[in-house]
Amino acid sequence: MRNRSRAFWIVAGLTLLGAVLRFATLGVQPYHHDEVVTASRVLRVGFGHAMDAVGFSESAPPLYYALAWIWTQVAGNGEWGLRSLSAFAGVATIPVAYLIARELRGARAGVLAAALVAFNPMLLWYSQEARAYALLGLFCALSLLYCVRALERGERRDEKRDFVAWGVFSALALATHYFAVFPLIAEIVLLARRRGRAILSGLWIVALAVVLLAPLAIHQMSYGHAEWIGKFSLGHRLGEAAITFAVGETGDIIGRAERVGPALLPLVLVAAAFALLLWRGTRAERRAASVPLAVVATTVGIPLFLAVFFTGKDFVLARNLFPAVVPLLAGIAVALSAERARHLGAAIAVALVAYSLGFCIWASTDPDLQRPDWRAVADHLGKAEGPRATVTWVIGEAPLRWYLTDGAFQDKPSDGAIQLKPSEGYDWLVREVNFISLGQAPPPPQRLLGPHFREVAYEKAGELYIRRYRVAGPELAPLRLRGLNNAETNFRNNGVLLDGVGPE
């Protein structure tokens, strides 16, 4: 232990702090929509069902879901158990970031890269998400590490081992998320240009993964699961991606307007880092930074090009650009380690790391920066005393249904909460209607409810408010689903969740 370098112990400490950030509040926030899809639709039965569900329910490859199914057999599918797989992947990415930047420009750049990864708010968010992104980030980082080693070390005895490792981790990244193909394109170009035919010892593994995954990808595309992305303006999504890279998910994904203000300082500091590289960096330092930044440019640039020039191929979204985060932070670390701007680079680095850590702590303790608390809403609503309808954000229907049914989705209306689309083809008979809003919202017009319903309660559940209406007497009253979607809930769009009721 005495022989370990100072850098080793600093990175070990940063990894420990990163683990504390990720695990300390891992089960505090309730599941969000996509996490419930993972926990219920994909992982709820056996392994065969999980793999089959990936084909019709997801737009991603099966590796994460296979690992998550195995993981939950031990850890369970509660918030802490299922998310812990992502948390471990997020923690493991910290020392990998150190190794990438150390290969590029030495231990000083490596330590800074580890600090930036440990305290990046976006990486923290997805390390606490029961989805594939943290695992994707880890495999893409490992792929970049062995790409850099193959590029920087030149001819040596274990050169082939680097290429094979690069091929294996690239294939694993592709098997986790299809968007891993974009950083992989940059790495293939870099390796082919500098190392020529030596790349073939790892490239065949990547090619095999592409061939095996192609039929599944084509099948999943036929369902159009990602078509909703193009309904939002491209400019809005690009701005959202920049904010998310700086301060994590603070807007659309949690039903709120994007917080531009908190992202301004880190974005300015990042711009200052690259200006410093251009102003004071040596040719070798710029060359070192160009490798991860080329990966960033490809990961963002190709999806942007497809979105602009190919109709129906617009998939630009902050979390789809997730493979660019670690390379970007590695490039920043190299920029801030420029020898001819040592003190200024150190000052910018300290400011950026301190701000990111502070924002991580803020986001971990402030409910206004977290997922809506559907668990608290379910606790307030309790078991239905009769048929009822709940009107809220359409993205909130799945987690609310999860917590109302104790994590077990029911298949029949008489068994529990069901999700339905608005229809004017029939009336639904209910005894109670609940409106869940983000913050306080005005009561719905009586015409949306009809004359039978009276307000009986107005309650607060975290950042959400519950306005409850019931029918006076034992009878049931008809409910028009389409009209209820026009109620004001302060969310972008509404859905209706129906408990224990059938149409008449």
Protein backbone atom coordinates (compact mmCIF):
# COMPACT_ATOMS: atom_id res chain seq x y z
CA MET A 1 0.00 0.00 0.00
CA ARG A 2 2.89 2.38 0.68
CA ASN A 3 4.05 1.89 -2.90
CA ARG A 4 0.80 3.19 -4.34
CA SER A 5 1.07 6.63 -5.94
CA ARG A 6 -0.63 9.74 -4.65
CA ALA A 7 -2.79 9.71 -7.79
CA PHE A 8 -4.00 6.22 -6.90
CA TRP A 9 -5.23 7.32 -3.50
CA ILE A 10 -6.84 10.48 -4.86
CA VAL A 11 -8.74 8.46 -7.47
CA ALA A 12 -9.71 5.90 -4.83
CA GLY A 13 -11.08 8.74 -2.68
CA LEU A 14 -12.96 10.25 -5.63
CA THR A 15 -14.43 6.84 -6.43
CA LEU A 16 -15.56 6.45 -2.83
CA LEU A 17 -17.15 9.91 -2.83
CA GLY A 18 -18.83 9.13 -6.15
CA ALA A 19 -20.21 5.92 -4.64
CA VAL A 20 -21.55 7.81 -1.61
CA LEU A 21 -23.35 10.27 -3.89
CA ARG A 22 -24.89 7.47 -5.93
CA PHE A 23 -25.87 5.04 -3.17
CA ALA A 24 -26.82 7.38 -0.32
CA THR A 25 -30.09 8.44 -1.98
CA LEU A 26 -30.52 5.53 -4.39
CA GLY A 27 -33.94 4.45 -3.14
CA VAL A 28 -35.25 7.84 -2.02
CA GLN A 29 -36.93 8.88 -5.25
CA PRO A 30 -39.85 6.81 -6.58
CA TYR A 31 -39.76 5.14 -9.96
CA HIS A 32 -40.35 7.26 -13.04
CA HIS A 33 -42.18 6.07 -16.17
CA ASP A 34 -39.32 4.34 -18.02
CA GLU A 35 -38.12 2.67 -14.83
CA VAL A 36 -41.56 1.17 -14.27
CA VAL A 37 -41.43 -0.19 -17.81
CA THR A 38 -38.17 -1.92 -16.86
CA ALA A 39 -39.44 -3.24 -13.54
CA SER A 40 -42.87 -4.38 -14.67
CA ARG A 41 -43.24 -4.87 -18.38
CA VAL A 42 -39.78 -6.38 -18.95
CA LEU A 43 -38.61 -7.95 -15.67
CA ARG A 44 -41.85 -9.00 -13.99
CA VAL A 45 -41.82 -12.70 -14.95
CA GLY A 46 -39.12 -15.10 -16.16
CA PHE A 47 -35.98 -14.55 -18.18
CA GLY A 48 -37.62 -15.74 -21.41
CA HIS A 49 -40.44 -13.24 -20.99
CA ALA A 50 -37.92 -10.46 -20.33
CA MET A 51 -36.04 -11.16 -23.55
CA ASP A 52 -39.30 -11.42 -25.50
CA ALA A 53 -40.53 -8.12 -24.01
CA VAL A 54 -37.38 -6.35 -25.18
CA GLY A 55 -38.42 -7.14 -28.73
CA PHE A 56 -41.87 -5.52 -28.60
CA SER A 57 -41.57 -3.08 -25.69
CA GLU A 58 -38.14 -1.47 -26.04
CA SER A 59 -36.04 0.27 -28.66
CA ALA A 60 -32.74 -0.91 -27.15
CA PRO A 61 -30.71 -4.16 -27.31
CA PRO A 62 -31.14 -6.84 -24.63
CA LEU A 63 -27.86 -6.85 -22.65
CA TYR A 64 -28.91 -4.47 -19.86
CA TYR A 65 -32.24 -6.26 -19.38
CA ALA A 66 -30.56 -9.66 -19.26
CA LEU A 67 -28.14 -8.43 -16.58
CA ALA A 68 -30.93 -6.62 -14.73
CA TRP A 69 -33.08 -9.75 -14.64
CA ILE A 70 -30.22 -11.74 -13.12
CA TRP A 71 -29.41 -8.88 -10.76
CA THR A 72 -32.99 -8.56 -9.46
CA GLN A 73 -33.14 -12.26 -8.59
CA VAL A 74 -30.81 -11.31 -5.72
CA ALA A 75 -31.40 -7.58 -5.17
CA GLY A 76 -35.15 -7.47 -5.89
CA ASN A 77 -36.99 -5.09 -8.20
CA GLY A 78 -37.53 -2.33 -5.65
CA GLU A 79 -36.00 1.08 -6.24
CA TRP A 80 -32.74 0.39 -4.42
CA GLY A 81 -32.28 -3.14 -5.71
CA LEU A 82 -32.91 -2.52 -9.41
CA ARG A 83 -31.12 0.83 -9.54
CA SER A 84 -28.05 -0.52 -7.78
CA LEU A 85 -26.91 -2.16 -11.03
CA SER A 86 -26.73 1.30 -12.63
CA ALA A 87 -25.09 2.74 -9.52
CA PHE A 88 -22.28 0.18 -9.60
CA ALA A 89 -21.76 0.85 -13.31
CA GLY A 90 -21.62 4.59 -12.62
CA VAL A 91 -19.06 4.13 -9.85
CA ALA A 92 -16.90 1.87 -12.04
CA THR A 93 -16.80 4.57 -14.74
CA ILE A 94 -14.84 6.92 -12.43
CA PRO A 95 -11.49 5.04 -12.43
CA VAL A 96 -11.95 4.26 -16.13
CA ALA A 97 -12.14 8.01 -16.82
CA TYR A 98 -8.89 8.42 -14.88
CA LEU A 99 -7.19 5.80 -17.03
CA ILE A 100 -8.42 7.41 -20.28
CA ALA A 101 -7.11 10.87 -19.42
CA ARG A 102 -3.88 9.46 -17.95
CA GLU A 103 -3.18 7.65 -21.21
CA LEU A 104 -3.84 10.89 -23.08
CA ARG A 105 -1.91 13.38 -20.94
CA GLY A 106 -0.70 11.97 -17.63
CA ALA A 107 -1.87 11.47 -14.06
CA ARG A 108 -2.84 15.11 -13.48
CA ALA A 109 -5.34 15.03 -16.34
CA GLY A 110 -6.50 11.61 -15.15
CA VAL A 111 -7.27 12.78 -11.64
CA LEU A 112 -9.25 15.73 -12.96
CA ALA A 113 -11.21 13.49 -15.34
CA ALA A 114 -12.07 11.18 -12.43
CA ALA A 115 -13.30 14.16 -10.38
CA LEU A 116 -15.43 15.49 -13.24
CA VAL A 117 -17.02 12.07 -13.81
CA ALA A 118 -17.57 11.43 -10.09
CA PHE A 119 -19.47 14.70 -9.65
CA ASN A 120 -21.18 15.20 -12.99
CA PRO A 121 -24.93 15.69 -12.34
CA MET A 122 -26.03 13.89 -15.51
CA LEU A 123 -23.90 10.85 -14.70
CA LEU A 124 -25.27 10.90 -11.16
CA TRP A 125 -28.87 11.00 -12.40
CA TYR A 126 -28.47 8.01 -14.71
CA SER A 127 -26.49 6.11 -12.08
CA GLN A 128 -29.76 6.25 -10.13
CA GLU A 129 -31.99 5.26 -13.05
CA ALA A 130 -33.23 1.72 -13.67
CA ARG A 131 -32.34 1.93 -17.35
CA ALA A 132 -29.38 1.05 -19.55
CA TYR A 133 -27.59 4.42 -19.70
CA ALA A 134 -25.08 4.01 -16.87
CA LEU A 135 -24.02 0.62 -18.22
CA LEU A 136 -23.77 2.16 -21.69
CA GLY A 137 -21.53 4.90 -20.31
CA LEU A 138 -19.24 2.34 -18.67
CA PHE A 139 -18.84 0.17 -21.78
CA CYS A 140 -18.30 3.20 -24.05
CA ALA A 141 -15.66 4.51 -21.63
CA LEU A 142 -13.88 1.14 -21.64
CA SER A 143 -14.05 1.06 -25.42
CA LEU A 144 -12.47 4.54 -25.58
CA LEU A 145 -9.80 3.52 -23.06
CA TYR A 146 -8.55 0.63 -25.20
CA CYS A 147 -8.89 2.72 -28.34
CA VAL A 148 -6.60 5.33 -26.76
CA ARG A 149 -4.15 2.65 -25.62
CA ALA A 150 -3.99 1.20 -29.10
CA LEU A 151 -3.45 4.68 -30.53
CA GLU A 152 -0.92 6.01 -28.03
CA ARG A 153 1.31 3.05 -27.24
CA GLY A 154 2.31 2.13 -30.78
CA GLU A 155 3.90 -1.16 -31.70
CA ARG A 156 4.37 -3.37 -28.65
CA ARG A 157 4.10 -6.98 -27.63
CA ASP A 158 0.52 -6.86 -26.26
CA GLU A 159 -0.86 -4.59 -29.02
CA LYS A 160 -3.29 -7.27 -30.15
CA ARG A 161 -4.71 -7.52 -26.65
CA ASP A 162 -5.68 -3.82 -26.72
CA PHE A 163 -7.50 -4.24 -30.02
CA VAL A 164 -9.32 -7.35 -28.81
CA ALA A 165 -10.35 -5.57 -25.58
CA TRP A 166 -11.53 -2.60 -27.65
CA GLY A 167 -13.60 -4.91 -29.83
CA VAL A 168 -15.14 -6.72 -26.85
CA PHE A 169 -16.17 -3.55 -25.00
CA SER A 170 -17.42 -1.93 -28.21
CA ALA A 171 -19.60 -4.98 -28.83
CA LEU A 172 -20.90 -4.86 -25.26
CA ALA A 173 -21.73 -1.17 -25.70
CA LEU A 174 -23.63 -1.94 -28.91
CA ALA A 175 -25.51 -4.73 -27.11
CA THR A 176 -26.54 -2.18 -24.46
CA HIS A 177 -27.71 0.71 -26.66
CA TYR A 178 -27.73 1.22 -30.42
CA PHE A 179 -26.42 4.77 -30.10
CA ALA A 180 -23.05 3.30 -29.12
CA VAL A 181 -22.49 3.00 -32.87
CA PHE A 182 -21.74 6.72 -33.17
CA PRO A 183 -18.71 6.97 -30.84
CA LEU A 184 -17.63 3.64 -32.30
CA ILE A 185 -17.53 5.16 -35.80
CA ALA A 186 -15.07 7.80 -34.59
CA GLU A 187 -12.89 5.21 -32.89
CA ILE A 188 -12.82 3.01 -36.00
CA VAL A 189 -11.74 5.95 -38.16
CA LEU A 190 -9.02 6.98 -35.69
CA LEU A 191 -7.67 3.46 -35.35
CA ALA A 192 -7.80 2.73 -39.06
CA ARG A 193 -5.94 5.93 -39.92
CA ARG A 194 -3.17 5.50 -37.37
CA ARG A 195 -2.86 1.73 -37.03
CA GLY A 196 -4.07 0.43 -40.37
CA ARG A 197 -4.79 -3.28 -40.65
CA ALA A 198 -3.95 -3.91 -36.99
CA ILE A 199 -7.53 -2.87 -36.20
CA LEU A 200 -8.83 -6.07 -37.78
CA SER A 201 -7.96 -8.10 -34.67
CA GLY A 202 -10.74 -6.27 -32.82
CA LEU A 203 -12.97 -5.08 -35.65
CA TRP A 204 -14.28 -8.56 -36.42
CA ILE A 205 -15.82 -8.70 -32.93
CA VAL A 206 -17.67 -5.44 -33.58
CA ALA A 207 -18.82 -6.68 -36.99
CA LEU A 208 -20.16 -9.88 -35.43
CA ALA A 209 -22.12 -7.87 -32.85
CA VAL A 210 -23.64 -5.71 -35.60
CA VAL A 211 -24.73 -8.77 -37.58
CA LEU A 212 -26.31 -10.42 -34.52
CA LEU A 213 -28.13 -7.27 -33.39
CA ALA A 214 -29.37 -6.08 -36.80
CA PRO A 215 -32.52 -8.32 -36.99
CA LEU A 216 -33.65 -7.21 -33.52
CA ALA A 217 -33.01 -3.54 -34.33
CA ILE A 218 -35.04 -3.77 -37.55
CA HIS A 219 -37.87 -5.53 -35.70
CA GLN A 220 -37.95 -2.91 -32.92
CA MET A 221 -37.93 -0.03 -35.42
CA SER A 222 -41.19 -1.34 -36.89
CA TYR A 223 -42.99 -0.42 -33.65
CA GLY A 224 -41.95 3.25 -33.86
CA HIS A 225 -41.24 3.56 -30.12
CA ALA A 226 -38.92 6.54 -30.65
CA GLU A 227 -41.10 8.54 -33.03
CA TRP A 228 -42.31 10.79 -30.21
CA ILE A 229 -38.87 12.45 -30.08
CA GLY A 230 -39.41 14.30 -33.36
CA LYS A 231 -42.58 15.95 -32.04
CA PHE A 232 -40.43 18.41 -30.07
CA SER A 233 -38.42 21.07 -31.88
CA LEU A 234 -34.82 20.17 -32.61
CA GLY A 235 -33.58 23.48 -31.22
CA HIS A 236 -35.33 22.85 -27.92
CA ARG A 237 -33.82 19.38 -27.64
CA LEU A 238 -30.31 20.61 -28.42
CA GLY A 239 -30.61 23.30 -25.76
CA GLU A 240 -31.98 20.72 -23.34
CA ALA A 241 -29.01 18.42 -24.09
CA ALA A 242 -26.50 21.19 -23.30
CA ILE A 243 -28.25 21.94 -20.00
CA THR A 244 -28.51 18.25 -19.13
CA PHE A 245 -24.81 17.63 -19.80
CA ALA A 246 -24.02 20.46 -17.36
CA VAL A 247 -26.54 19.97 -14.54
CA GLY A 248 -28.46 16.77 -15.24
CA GLU A 249 -32.17 16.26 -15.85
CA THR A 250 -33.96 19.36 -14.57
CA GLY A 251 -36.75 19.92 -17.11
CA ASP A 252 -39.00 17.90 -19.39
CA ILE A 253 -38.22 14.52 -17.89
CA ILE A 254 -39.53 15.64 -14.49
CA GLY A 255 -42.39 17.68 -15.93
CA ARG A 256 -40.86 21.11 -15.41
CA ALA A 257 -39.41 23.88 -17.55
CA GLU A 258 -35.68 23.60 -18.21
CA ARG A 259 -33.50 25.40 -15.65
CA VAL A 260 -31.17 27.46 -17.82
CA GLY A 261 -29.67 29.53 -14.98
CA PRO A 262 -27.83 26.77 -13.08
CA ALA A 263 -26.23 25.53 -16.33
CA LEU A 264 -24.71 28.88 -17.34
CA LEU A 265 -21.66 28.80 -15.06
CA PRO A 266 -20.50 25.26 -15.89
CA LEU A 267 -21.04 25.90 -19.61
CA VAL A 268 -18.97 29.10 -19.38
CA LEU A 269 -16.23 27.22 -17.51
CA VAL A 270 -16.18 24.48 -20.16
CA ALA A 271 -15.89 27.12 -22.90
CA ALA A 272 -13.03 28.72 -20.94
CA ALA A 273 -11.28 25.33 -20.73
CA PHE A 274 -11.28 24.87 -24.49
CA ALA A 275 -10.28 28.49 -25.06
CA LEU A 276 -7.34 27.84 -22.73
CA LEU A 277 -6.37 24.78 -24.75
CA LEU A 278 -6.36 26.80 -27.99
CA TRP A 279 -4.55 29.75 -26.40
CA ARG A 280 -1.92 28.08 -24.23
CA GLY A 281 -1.97 24.40 -25.16
CA THR A 282 0.93 22.79 -26.97
CA ARG A 283 0.55 20.79 -30.15
CA ALA A 284 0.84 17.55 -28.19
CA GLU A 285 -1.86 18.65 -25.72
CA ARG A 286 -4.23 19.62 -28.51
CA ARG A 287 -3.56 16.32 -30.22
CA ALA A 288 -4.32 14.46 -26.99
CA ALA A 289 -7.61 16.33 -26.50
CA SER A 290 -8.59 15.77 -30.14
CA VAL A 291 -9.15 12.04 -29.60
CA PRO A 292 -12.01 12.20 -27.06
CA LEU A 293 -13.38 15.37 -28.69
CA ALA A 294 -13.55 13.58 -32.05
CA VAL A 295 -15.67 10.94 -30.32
CA VAL A 296 -17.92 13.68 -28.90
CA ALA A 297 -18.28 15.36 -32.31
CA THR A 298 -19.29 12.09 -33.97
CA THR A 299 -21.66 11.04 -31.20
CA VAL A 300 -23.54 14.34 -31.45
CA GLY A 301 -22.90 15.26 -35.07
CA ILE A 302 -24.16 12.16 -36.88
CA PRO A 303 -27.56 12.04 -35.08
CA LEU A 304 -27.90 15.79 -35.72
CA PHE A 305 -27.12 15.31 -39.42
CA LEU A 306 -29.70 12.51 -39.66
CA ALA A 307 -32.31 14.64 -37.89
CA VAL A 308 -31.83 17.55 -40.28
CA PHE A 309 -31.55 15.74 -43.60
CA PHE A 310 -33.53 12.50 -43.19
CA THR A 311 -37.23 12.58 -42.38
CA GLY A 312 -38.21 10.17 -39.64
CA LYS A 313 -34.62 9.72 -38.40
CA ASP A 314 -34.68 12.37 -35.69
CA PHE A 315 -33.53 10.76 -32.44
CA VAL A 316 -31.57 13.68 -30.97
CA LEU A 317 -32.22 13.64 -27.24
CA ALA A 318 -30.00 14.29 -24.24
CA ARG A 319 -30.01 10.71 -22.99
CA ASN A 320 -29.43 9.30 -26.48
CA LEU A 321 -26.27 11.41 -26.63
CA PHE A 322 -25.13 9.94 -23.30
CA PRO A 323 -22.04 8.18 -24.80
CA ALA A 324 -20.54 11.65 -25.37
CA VAL A 325 -20.44 12.61 -21.67
CA VAL A 326 -17.32 10.75 -20.50
CA PRO A 327 -15.25 11.61 -23.62
CA LEU A 328 -16.28 15.25 -23.22
CA LEU A 329 -15.17 15.30 -19.58
CA ALA A 330 -11.89 13.61 -20.53
CA GLY A 331 -11.29 16.28 -23.16
CA ILE A 332 -12.01 19.01 -20.61
CA ALA A 333 -9.54 17.41 -18.19
CA VAL A 334 -6.81 17.39 -20.83
CA ALA A 335 -7.55 21.03 -21.71
CA LEU A 336 -7.33 22.16 -18.10
CA SER A 337 -4.04 20.32 -17.61
CA ALA A 338 -2.14 22.44 -20.14
CA GLU A 339 1.36 23.06 -18.75
CA ARG A 340 1.62 26.65 -19.95
CA ALA A 341 -1.63 27.60 -18.15
CA ARG A 342 -1.18 25.52 -15.04
CA HIS A 343 -2.53 27.96 -12.45
CA LEU A 344 -5.44 29.28 -14.53
CA GLY A 345 -6.36 25.74 -15.58
CA ALA A 346 -6.29 24.61 -11.95
CA ALA A 347 -8.54 27.51 -10.93
CA ILE A 348 -11.10 26.68 -13.62
CA ALA A 349 -10.92 22.99 -12.71
CA VAL A 350 -11.54 23.65 -9.02
CA ALA A 351 -14.49 25.91 -9.83
CA LEU A 352 -16.02 23.36 -12.20
CA VAL A 353 -15.59 20.39 -9.86
CA ALA A 354 -16.84 22.34 -6.83
CA TYR A 355 -19.90 23.62 -8.69
CA SER A 356 -20.76 20.17 -10.03
CA LEU A 357 -20.43 18.61 -6.57
CA GLY A 358 -22.59 21.33 -5.06
CA PHE A 359 -25.27 20.85 -7.69
CA CYS A 360 -25.22 17.07 -7.16
CA ILE A 361 -25.86 17.59 -3.44
CA TRP A 362 -28.61 20.11 -4.19
CA ALA A 363 -30.32 17.77 -6.68
CA SER A 364 -30.07 14.89 -4.18
CA THR A 365 -31.83 16.86 -1.44
CA ASP A 366 -34.32 19.16 -3.21
CA PRO A 367 -37.60 17.48 -4.32
CA ASP A 368 -38.07 20.23 -6.91
CA LEU A 369 -35.11 18.78 -8.86
CA GLN A 370 -36.22 15.16 -8.56
CA ARG A 371 -38.71 12.76 -10.07
CA PRO A 372 -42.34 13.48 -9.13
CA ASP A 373 -43.33 11.60 -5.97
CA TRP A 374 -45.92 9.17 -7.33
CA ARG A 375 -45.31 6.93 -4.33
CA ALA A 376 -46.61 9.66 -1.98
CA VAL A 377 -49.63 10.19 -4.23
CA ALA A 378 -50.46 6.48 -4.12
CA ASP A 379 -50.15 6.51 -0.33
CA HIS A 380 -52.59 9.43 -0.12
CA LEU A 381 -55.07 7.85 -2.52
CA GLY A 382 -54.98 4.48 -0.80
CA LYS A 383 -57.12 1.54 -1.81
CA ALA A 384 -60.11 2.42 -3.95
CA GLU A 385 -63.43 2.33 -2.09
CA GLY A 386 -65.19 2.01 -5.42
CA PRO A 387 -64.50 2.57 -9.10
CA ARG A 388 -62.39 5.69 -9.56
CA ALA A 389 -60.52 7.67 -12.19
CA THR A 390 -57.27 9.58 -11.68
CA VAL A 391 -56.30 12.38 -14.07
CA THR A 392 -52.64 13.38 -14.23
CA TRP A 393 -49.55 13.62 -16.43
CA VAL A 394 -49.62 10.85 -19.01
CA ILE A 395 -46.01 9.99 -18.04
CA GLY A 396 -47.19 9.57 -14.45
CA GLU A 397 -49.76 6.90 -15.17
CA ALA A 398 -47.32 3.97 -15.16
CA PRO A 399 -45.55 4.80 -11.86
CA LEU A 400 -48.85 5.67 -10.17
CA ARG A 401 -50.30 2.38 -11.30
CA TRP A 402 -47.18 0.60 -10.00
CA TYR A 403 -47.51 2.05 -6.50
CA LEU A 404 -51.29 1.65 -6.36
CA THR A 405 -50.97 -2.07 -7.11
CA ASP A 406 -47.92 -2.74 -4.89
CA GLY A 407 -45.65 -3.22 -7.87
CA ALA A 408 -47.79 -5.86 -9.57
CA PHE A 409 -49.69 -4.67 -12.65
CA GLN A 410 -53.07 -6.32 -12.97
CA ASP A 411 -54.40 -7.62 -16.26
CA LYS A 412 -58.14 -7.10 -15.71
CA PRO A 413 -60.08 -3.95 -14.81
CA SER A 414 -61.64 -5.69 -11.83
CA ASP A 415 -58.21 -6.55 -10.41
CA GLY A 416 -56.69 -3.07 -10.13
CA ALA A 417 -55.57 0.06 -11.90
CA ILE A 418 -55.55 -0.02 -15.69
CA GLN A 419 -54.30 2.48 -18.25
CA LEU A 420 -56.64 3.50 -21.03
CA LYS A 421 -56.65 5.93 -23.91
CA PRO A 422 -59.41 8.56 -24.17
CA SER A 423 -62.48 7.33 -26.06
CA GLU A 424 -65.92 8.71 -26.79
CA GLY A 425 -67.26 5.32 -27.72
CA TYR A 426 -68.69 4.56 -24.29
CA ASP A 427 -69.16 5.88 -20.77
CA TRP A 428 -67.10 4.76 -17.81
CA LEU A 429 -68.94 4.52 -14.50
CA VAL A 430 -67.04 5.69 -11.42
CA ARG A 431 -67.63 6.85 -7.86
CA GLU A 432 -64.53 9.04 -7.51
CA VAL A 433 -62.35 11.28 -9.70
CA ASN A 434 -58.91 12.54 -8.61
CA PHE A 435 -56.82 15.26 -10.26
CA ILE A 436 -53.05 15.18 -9.63
CA SER A 437 -51.25 18.42 -10.47
CA LEU A 438 -47.67 19.66 -10.29
CA GLY A 439 -48.01 22.46 -7.76
CA GLN A 440 -51.35 24.12 -7.21
CA ALA A 441 -53.81 24.13 -10.10
CA PRO A 442 -57.35 25.53 -10.43
CA PRO A 443 -60.27 23.13 -9.99
CA PRO A 444 -61.57 21.60 -13.23
CA PRO A 445 -64.72 23.13 -14.74
CA GLN A 446 -67.83 21.34 -13.57
CA ARG A 447 -68.74 20.54 -17.17
CA LEU A 448 -65.81 18.11 -17.32
CA LEU A 449 -67.24 16.16 -14.41
CA GLY A 450 -70.99 16.52 -14.65
CA PRO A 451 -73.49 17.39 -11.92
CA HIS A 452 -72.99 14.28 -9.76
CA PHE A 453 -69.46 15.02 -8.44
CA ARG A 454 -68.54 17.19 -5.44
CA GLU A 455 -65.07 18.14 -4.21
CA VAL A 456 -64.26 16.32 -0.95
CA ALA A 457 -60.52 16.94 -0.41
CA TYR A 458 -57.51 18.97 -1.58
CA GLU A 459 -54.22 17.45 -0.37
CA LYS A 460 -50.50 17.98 -0.86
CA ALA A 461 -48.18 15.04 -1.58
CA GLY A 462 -44.63 16.32 -1.94
CA GLU A 463 -44.55 18.69 -4.92
CA LEU A 464 -47.84 17.25 -6.20
CA TYR A 465 -51.38 18.21 -5.24
CA ILE A 466 -54.44 15.94 -5.16
CA ARG A 467 -57.96 17.31 -5.73
CA ARG A 468 -60.58 14.64 -5.03
CA TYR A 469 -64.22 14.47 -6.19
CA ARG A 470 -66.87 11.91 -5.25
CA VAL A 471 -70.44 11.09 -6.14
CA ALA A 472 -72.90 11.78 -3.34
CA GLY A 473 -74.60 8.48 -2.58
CA PRO A 474 -73.96 4.85 -3.49
CA GLU A 475 -74.61 5.10 -7.23
CA LEU A 476 -71.99 5.44 -9.96
CA ALA A 477 -71.80 8.32 -12.41
CA PRO A 478 -70.71 8.26 -16.07
CA LEU A 479 -67.36 9.76 -17.00
CA ARG A 480 -66.22 11.08 -20.39
CA LEU A 481 -62.52 10.35 -20.75
CA ARG A 482 -61.75 12.80 -23.55
CA GLY A 483 -63.08 15.79 -21.64
CA LEU A 484 -61.00 15.03 -18.55
CA ASN A 485 -57.79 15.33 -20.54
CA ASN A 486 -58.46 19.07 -20.78
CA ALA A 487 -58.19 19.57 -17.02
CA GLU A 488 -55.37 21.84 -15.81
CA THR A 489 -52.65 19.87 -14.02
CA ASN A 490 -49.59 21.99 -14.90
CA PHE A 491 -48.24 19.05 -16.89
CA ARG A 492 -47.67 19.05 -20.64
CA ASN A 493 -50.38 16.47 -21.34
CA ASN A 494 -52.82 14.40 -19.33
CA GLY A 495 -53.83 10.78 -19.12
CA VAL A 496 -56.55 8.93 -17.20
CA LEU A 497 -55.90 5.98 -14.91
CA LEU A 498 -58.96 3.84 -14.11
CA ASP A 499 -59.29 1.68 -11.01
CA GLY A 500 -61.56 -1.36 -10.87
CA VAL A 501 -64.17 -0.18 -13.37
CA GLY A 502 -65.54 -1.31 -16.70
CA PRO A 503 -67.50 0.41 -19.45
CA GLU A 504 -71.28 0.32 -19.66
